[in-house]
Amino acid sequence: MTAIAHVVNPVQVKESSDLFVAQPITFETMRVARDFAAGQVDVGLFSAQYPEDHPVVPADFQRTPDLETSILDYSTFQRPRKLPLLKEILDRLYQASDAEYMVYTNVDIGLLPHFYLAVDRFIAAGYDAFVVNRRTISCRYQRVDQIPLMYGEVGEPHRGWDCFVFRRAAYASYELGTVCLGAPRMGLALVANLVAHAERFHEFKDQHLTFHLGNDRSWGRSPYADYAAHNARQALHVLNELERKAGPFPANSPPGAFLKRRRRWGGLYEWWVRRVHLPVPTAQRLRRLFGQERDDDE
C-alpha cells in the first residue's frame, strides 16, 4: 500500500481574507479524500504552522513542530509580512513522516474525494514526481456544507502550480533557497526540483482532482511587489544551481521553458526584478512581455 504524507500551512486570518473561507473547505476535503482512500492508500495529514496559528490547525491533523523563521529573517520589505519559507515547511514534513511520497498543496486548494486514489494510480503508472494543476470554480460558494456543490462544478483549467507530489527519498537533494509562500515563483522553484530529481516527471494540466474558489490574483498587487522580486531572484538562483549540478533542464519542461524565455530577453527580466516599486499595471505588462505571466502559486 502506498504511503502518502500531505502537508499544508494553516494560518489564522481575519474574516476579510479569502483564506477565512477557503481553509475550512480545504481541511474538510482533505479529510474526505483521506477517508475515501482508506484501505487502499495510507494517507497522513500534517500541518506546519507558527505558534499563533494553533487555533486553526485541525485537531485530526498531525501538527509538526512550530515554524521558527520567516522571510523577514532573510530580507527587508516595505510592509513586513511573516511569510513562511517553503523549505522549512517541507523539512517539517520530511522529519515527521517516513511515507514514501510527500504532497504539498497551498492551503486554499480543495481536493476531490478521489484525489489520493488518483495520485496512487499515477505513481503506479511510473510517475515519481508530478504536479496537478487546479481547476477554478465559482467563488459563490462560501461554506463547508456546500462542498458537494463544489465537487459537482467542473470549473475551468488553470495553469498554476499549487499541488506537488514527489518521492521522500529525493527530497534530501532539493535546493529551495529562501523562497517563501504567499508570493509568485514559489511554485517554479519547487517544480524545478521535481523535474531535476525525478526519473519520470509529469504536469497534469486538465485533471478534475483539485479546485480553487475564484481566481483572485491578489499577490500581484502593490505594495507587495518586493516579495515577488525576492522570490523571483531566489527561483532563478535555484534553477541555476540545479542546472549546475544536474545539467540543463529539458526544453519542454516548465523550468526549461522559463529559462529559455529569460535567456531570450537577456538582462531585461532581472531589470524588472530589481524595479520592485513599479505600478501594478506596468509590472503586469512587463511580465507578459517576458513570458512570465503565469500563476505558479497564489
Protein backbone atom coordinates (compact mmCIF):
# COMPACT_ATOMS: atom_id res chain seq x y z
CA MET A 1 0.00 0.00 0.00
CA THR A 2 1.39 3.39 -0.98
CA ALA A 3 2.04 5.72 1.95
CA ILE A 4 1.48 9.44 1.38
CA ALA A 5 2.20 12.33 3.78
CA HIS A 6 0.41 15.55 2.89
CA VAL A 7 1.28 18.89 4.49
CA VAL A 8 -0.41 22.29 4.43
CA ASN A 9 0.38 25.57 6.15
CA PRO A 10 -2.68 26.72 8.15
CA VAL A 11 -2.74 30.39 9.06
CA GLN A 12 -5.03 32.39 11.31
CA VAL A 13 -6.51 35.21 9.27
CA LYS A 14 -9.11 37.95 9.53
CA GLU A 15 -12.61 37.42 8.19
CA SER A 16 -11.78 39.74 5.28
CA SER A 17 -9.19 37.27 3.96
CA ASP A 18 -10.05 34.75 1.23
CA LEU A 19 -8.41 32.10 3.40
CA PHE A 20 -11.06 32.60 6.08
CA VAL A 21 -13.48 30.90 3.68
CA ALA A 22 -11.06 28.63 1.82
CA GLN A 23 -9.17 26.96 4.68
CA PRO A 24 -12.08 25.13 6.36
CA ILE A 25 -13.11 23.85 2.92
CA THR A 26 -9.57 22.65 2.21
CA PHE A 27 -9.32 20.83 5.54
CA GLU A 28 -12.67 19.09 5.12
CA THR A 29 -11.93 17.99 1.54
CA MET A 30 -8.59 16.56 2.71
CA ARG A 31 -10.39 14.53 5.39
CA VAL A 32 -12.98 13.28 2.91
CA ALA A 33 -10.29 12.27 0.40
CA ARG A 34 -8.27 10.52 3.11
CA ASP A 35 -11.30 8.53 4.25
CA PHE A 36 -12.31 7.75 0.66
CA ALA A 37 -8.88 6.18 0.09
CA ALA A 38 -8.88 4.20 3.35
CA GLY A 39 -7.76 0.61 2.86
CA GLN A 40 -6.14 1.42 -0.49
CA VAL A 41 -3.75 4.30 0.25
CA ASP A 42 -2.18 5.11 3.62
CA VAL A 43 -2.68 8.89 3.92
CA GLY A 44 -1.31 11.06 6.72
CA LEU A 45 -2.43 14.67 7.05
CA PHE A 46 0.08 17.13 8.53
CA SER A 47 0.31 20.83 9.30
CA ALA A 48 3.31 23.16 9.52
CA GLN A 49 2.42 26.35 11.38
CA TYR A 50 3.57 29.20 13.57
CA PRO A 51 2.57 29.14 17.28
CA GLU A 52 -0.05 31.84 16.73
CA ASP A 53 -1.79 29.66 14.15
CA HIS A 54 -2.57 26.77 16.51
CA PRO A 55 -6.27 27.72 16.82
CA VAL A 56 -6.94 26.95 13.14
CA VAL A 57 -4.98 23.69 12.89
CA PRO A 58 -7.48 20.83 12.58
CA ALA A 59 -7.45 18.53 15.59
CA ASP A 60 -7.11 15.42 13.41
CA PHE A 61 -4.08 16.73 11.51
CA GLN A 62 -0.64 15.84 12.87
CA ARG A 63 0.90 19.14 13.96
CA THR A 64 4.62 19.28 13.21
CA PRO A 65 6.98 21.39 15.38
CA ASP A 66 6.24 25.08 15.02
CA LEU A 67 7.99 27.04 12.28
CA GLU A 68 10.83 29.14 13.65
CA THR A 69 11.83 31.51 10.85
CA SER A 70 10.17 33.59 8.17
CA ILE A 71 11.18 35.59 5.13
CA LEU A 72 11.72 38.58 7.45
CA ASP A 73 14.83 36.82 8.81
CA TYR A 74 16.43 36.98 5.37
CA SER A 75 15.42 40.30 3.85
CA THR A 76 13.58 43.57 4.47
CA PHE A 77 10.35 44.68 2.85
CA GLN A 78 8.19 47.78 2.62
CA ARG A 79 5.39 46.09 4.53
CA PRO A 80 6.63 43.31 6.81
CA ARG A 81 4.69 40.06 6.46
CA LYS A 82 5.61 36.93 8.37
CA LEU A 83 5.62 34.59 5.39
CA PRO A 84 6.99 31.07 5.94
CA LEU A 85 9.81 29.53 3.95
CA LEU A 86 8.84 26.64 1.70
CA LYS A 87 11.94 24.72 2.76
CA GLU A 88 11.08 24.90 6.45
CA ILE A 89 7.58 23.57 5.79
CA LEU A 90 8.82 20.64 3.71
CA ASP A 91 11.61 19.95 6.21
CA ARG A 92 8.95 19.57 8.90
CA LEU A 93 7.08 17.00 6.83
CA TYR A 94 10.29 15.14 5.95
CA GLN A 95 11.19 14.87 9.63
CA ALA A 96 7.68 13.93 10.78
CA SER A 97 6.91 11.11 8.38
CA ASP A 98 8.70 8.30 6.59
CA ALA A 99 5.94 7.93 3.98
CA GLU A 100 7.31 7.09 0.56
CA TYR A 101 5.63 10.08 -1.09
CA MET A 102 5.25 13.66 0.10
CA VAL A 103 2.49 16.03 -1.00
CA TYR A 104 2.39 19.79 -0.60
CA THR A 105 -0.62 21.90 -1.57
CA ASN A 106 -1.43 25.52 -0.94
CA VAL A 107 -3.89 25.89 1.90
CA ASP A 108 -6.60 27.27 -0.39
CA ILE A 109 -6.67 24.21 -2.66
CA GLY A 110 -9.60 21.82 -2.25
CA LEU A 111 -9.40 18.14 -3.12
CA LEU A 112 -11.88 15.91 -4.91
CA PRO A 113 -12.74 12.73 -2.97
CA HIS A 114 -10.74 10.52 -5.35
CA PHE A 115 -7.59 12.68 -5.18
CA TYR A 116 -5.36 10.26 -3.24
CA LEU A 117 -6.58 7.27 -5.26
CA ALA A 118 -5.65 9.12 -8.46
CA VAL A 119 -2.24 10.03 -7.00
CA ASP A 120 -1.71 6.34 -6.19
CA ARG A 121 -2.60 5.36 -9.77
CA PHE A 122 -0.21 7.97 -11.19
CA ILE A 123 2.56 6.55 -9.02
CA ALA A 124 1.69 3.01 -10.13
CA ALA A 125 1.94 4.21 -13.74
CA GLY A 126 5.58 5.16 -13.13
CA TYR A 127 5.44 8.88 -12.33
CA ASP A 128 7.70 9.59 -9.35
CA ALA A 129 7.15 13.38 -9.28
CA PHE A 130 4.26 15.39 -10.66
CA VAL A 131 2.14 18.48 -10.30
CA VAL A 132 -1.65 18.53 -10.57
CA ASN A 133 -2.97 21.84 -11.82
CA ARG A 134 -6.15 23.01 -10.18
CA ARG A 135 -9.48 23.90 -11.69
CA THR A 136 -11.09 27.26 -10.93
CA ILE A 137 -14.70 27.10 -9.78
CA SER A 138 -17.17 29.79 -8.79
CA CYS A 139 -16.40 31.88 -5.72
CA ARG A 140 -20.08 31.99 -4.83
CA TYR A 141 -19.51 29.00 -2.55
CA GLN A 142 -18.65 30.06 0.99
CA ARG A 143 -19.44 27.20 3.37
CA VAL A 144 -18.31 23.68 4.17
CA ASP A 145 -21.84 22.35 3.70
CA GLN A 146 -21.63 23.48 0.05
CA ILE A 147 -18.69 21.16 -0.70
CA PRO A 148 -20.90 18.67 -2.63
CA LEU A 149 -21.83 21.53 -4.96
CA MET A 150 -18.14 22.39 -5.35
CA TYR A 151 -17.42 18.78 -6.30
CA GLY A 152 -20.11 18.99 -8.95
CA GLU A 153 -18.69 22.07 -10.67
CA VAL A 154 -16.08 21.06 -13.24
CA GLY A 155 -14.78 24.61 -13.49
CA GLU A 156 -12.04 25.87 -15.78
CA PRO A 157 -8.47 24.59 -16.10
CA HIS A 158 -5.80 26.79 -14.54
CA ARG A 159 -2.09 26.90 -15.32
CA GLY A 160 -0.99 27.45 -11.73
CA TRP A 161 1.26 25.07 -9.83
CA ASP A 162 -0.13 24.57 -6.35
CA CYS A 163 -0.20 20.78 -5.85
CA PHE A 164 3.08 18.84 -5.79
CA VAL A 165 3.76 15.12 -5.31
CA PHE A 166 7.30 13.72 -5.05
CA ARG A 167 9.37 10.91 -3.53
CA ARG A 168 10.58 11.44 0.00
CA ALA A 169 13.91 9.82 -0.94
CA ALA A 170 14.60 12.61 -3.45
CA TYR A 171 13.85 15.46 -1.06
CA ALA A 172 17.27 15.43 0.64
CA SER A 173 18.77 16.72 -2.64
CA TYR A 174 16.30 19.57 -3.13
CA GLU A 175 17.53 23.18 -3.49
CA LEU A 176 14.91 25.69 -2.32
CA GLY A 177 16.85 28.75 -1.19
CA THR A 178 14.72 31.18 0.81
CA VAL A 179 11.66 31.04 -1.41
CA CYS A 180 8.59 31.94 0.64
CA LEU A 181 4.89 31.19 0.45
CA GLY A 182 2.44 33.94 -0.40
CA ALA A 183 4.34 35.33 -3.41
CA PRO A 184 4.84 34.27 -7.06
CA ARG A 185 7.62 31.90 -8.16
CA MET A 186 7.39 29.61 -5.15
CA GLY A 187 5.83 27.05 -7.46
CA LEU A 188 8.54 27.47 -10.08
CA ALA A 189 11.28 26.75 -7.54
CA LEU A 190 9.56 23.61 -6.29
CA VAL A 191 8.56 22.25 -9.68
CA ALA A 192 12.16 22.72 -10.86
CA ASN A 193 13.29 20.40 -8.08
CA LEU A 194 10.67 17.84 -9.02
CA VAL A 195 11.90 17.87 -12.62
CA ALA A 196 15.58 17.79 -11.68
CA HIS A 197 15.32 14.83 -9.30
CA ALA A 198 12.63 12.69 -10.93
CA GLU A 199 13.01 9.65 -13.13
CA ARG A 200 9.67 10.47 -14.71
CA PHE A 201 8.03 13.86 -14.15
CA HIS A 202 4.65 14.99 -15.46
CA GLU A 203 2.45 18.07 -15.28
CA PHE A 204 -1.21 17.06 -15.19
CA LYS A 205 -2.91 20.08 -16.70
CA ASP A 206 -6.54 19.09 -17.05
CA GLN A 207 -7.44 16.61 -14.31
CA HIS A 208 -10.57 17.13 -12.19
CA LEU A 209 -8.77 16.49 -8.90
CA THR A 210 -8.27 19.84 -7.16
CA PHE A 211 -10.10 23.16 -7.16
CA HIS A 212 -9.81 26.78 -6.09
CA LEU A 213 -12.63 29.21 -5.36
CA GLY A 214 -12.38 32.03 -7.89
CA ASN A 215 -9.24 33.43 -9.46
CA ASP A 216 -8.27 36.45 -7.40
CA ARG A 217 -4.66 37.41 -8.23
CA SER A 218 -4.15 39.37 -5.03
CA TRP A 219 -0.46 38.52 -4.82
CA GLY A 220 0.25 40.67 -7.89
CA ARG A 221 -0.94 43.87 -6.25
CA SER A 222 1.22 46.62 -4.86
CA PRO A 223 2.62 47.15 -2.20
CA TYR A 224 3.88 43.57 -2.06
CA ALA A 225 5.92 43.56 -5.28
CA ASP A 226 9.13 43.33 -3.27
CA TYR A 227 8.12 39.84 -2.06
CA ALA A 228 7.58 38.83 -5.68
CA ALA A 229 11.02 40.23 -6.52
CA HIS A 230 12.62 38.25 -3.70
CA ASN A 231 11.05 35.00 -4.85
CA ALA A 232 11.98 35.73 -8.47
CA ARG A 233 15.64 36.18 -7.51
CA GLN A 234 15.61 33.05 -5.37
CA ALA A 235 13.86 30.98 -8.04
CA LEU A 236 16.48 31.98 -10.61
CA HIS A 237 19.20 31.03 -8.13
CA VAL A 238 17.54 27.65 -7.52
CA LEU A 239 17.22 26.91 -11.25
CA ASN A 240 20.83 27.86 -11.90
CA GLU A 241 22.05 25.67 -9.01
CA LEU A 242 20.03 22.70 -10.21
CA GLU A 243 21.35 23.08 -13.75
CA ARG A 244 24.90 23.38 -12.45
CA LYS A 245 24.56 20.10 -10.56
CA ALA A 246 22.36 18.06 -12.88
CA GLY A 247 22.72 19.63 -16.29
CA PRO A 248 20.25 21.62 -18.43
CA PHE A 249 16.53 21.21 -17.92
CA PRO A 250 14.63 19.65 -20.84
CA ALA A 251 13.46 22.48 -23.08
CA ASN A 252 9.83 21.31 -22.86
CA SER A 253 9.80 21.16 -19.04
CA PRO A 254 8.36 24.07 -17.01
CA PRO A 255 11.77 25.28 -15.73
CA GLY A 256 13.37 24.72 -19.13
CA ALA A 257 10.72 26.86 -20.84
CA PHE A 258 11.11 29.55 -18.17
CA LEU A 259 14.88 29.73 -18.60
CA LYS A 260 14.56 29.81 -22.38
CA ARG A 261 12.34 32.89 -22.15
CA ARG A 262 14.64 34.50 -19.61
CA ARG A 263 17.74 33.97 -21.76
CA ARG A 264 15.96 35.27 -24.83
CA TRP A 265 15.39 38.58 -23.10
CA GLY A 266 18.86 38.79 -21.58
CA GLY A 267 19.03 41.15 -18.60
CA LEU A 268 15.59 42.72 -19.07
CA TYR A 269 13.84 40.35 -16.68
CA GLU A 270 16.47 40.92 -14.00
CA TRP A 271 15.98 44.64 -14.53
CA TRP A 272 12.27 44.22 -13.80
CA VAL A 273 13.03 42.14 -10.71
CA ARG A 274 15.13 44.98 -9.30
CA ARG A 275 12.40 47.53 -10.03
CA VAL A 276 10.17 46.40 -7.20
CA HIS A 277 8.18 49.64 -6.98
CA LEU A 278 6.65 49.58 -10.46
CA PRO A 279 2.90 50.29 -10.66
CA VAL A 280 1.00 47.03 -10.92
CA PRO A 281 -0.33 47.58 -14.49
CA THR A 282 3.21 48.29 -15.69
CA ALA A 283 4.62 45.26 -13.90
CA GLN A 284 1.92 43.03 -15.38
CA ARG A 285 2.69 44.28 -18.90
CA LEU A 286 6.36 43.52 -18.36
CA ARG A 287 5.60 40.04 -17.07
CA ARG A 288 3.52 39.35 -20.17
CA LEU A 289 6.29 40.73 -22.37
CA PHE A 290 8.88 38.46 -20.77
CA GLY A 291 6.57 35.45 -20.83
CA GLN A 292 6.32 35.39 -17.04
CA GLU A 293 2.56 35.95 -16.64
CA ARG A 294 1.73 32.66 -15.01
CA ASP A 295 0.09 31.97 -11.65
CA ASP A 296 2.51 29.36 -10.38
CA ASP A 297 1.30 29.97 -6.86
CA GLU A 298 -1.06 32.26 -5.03
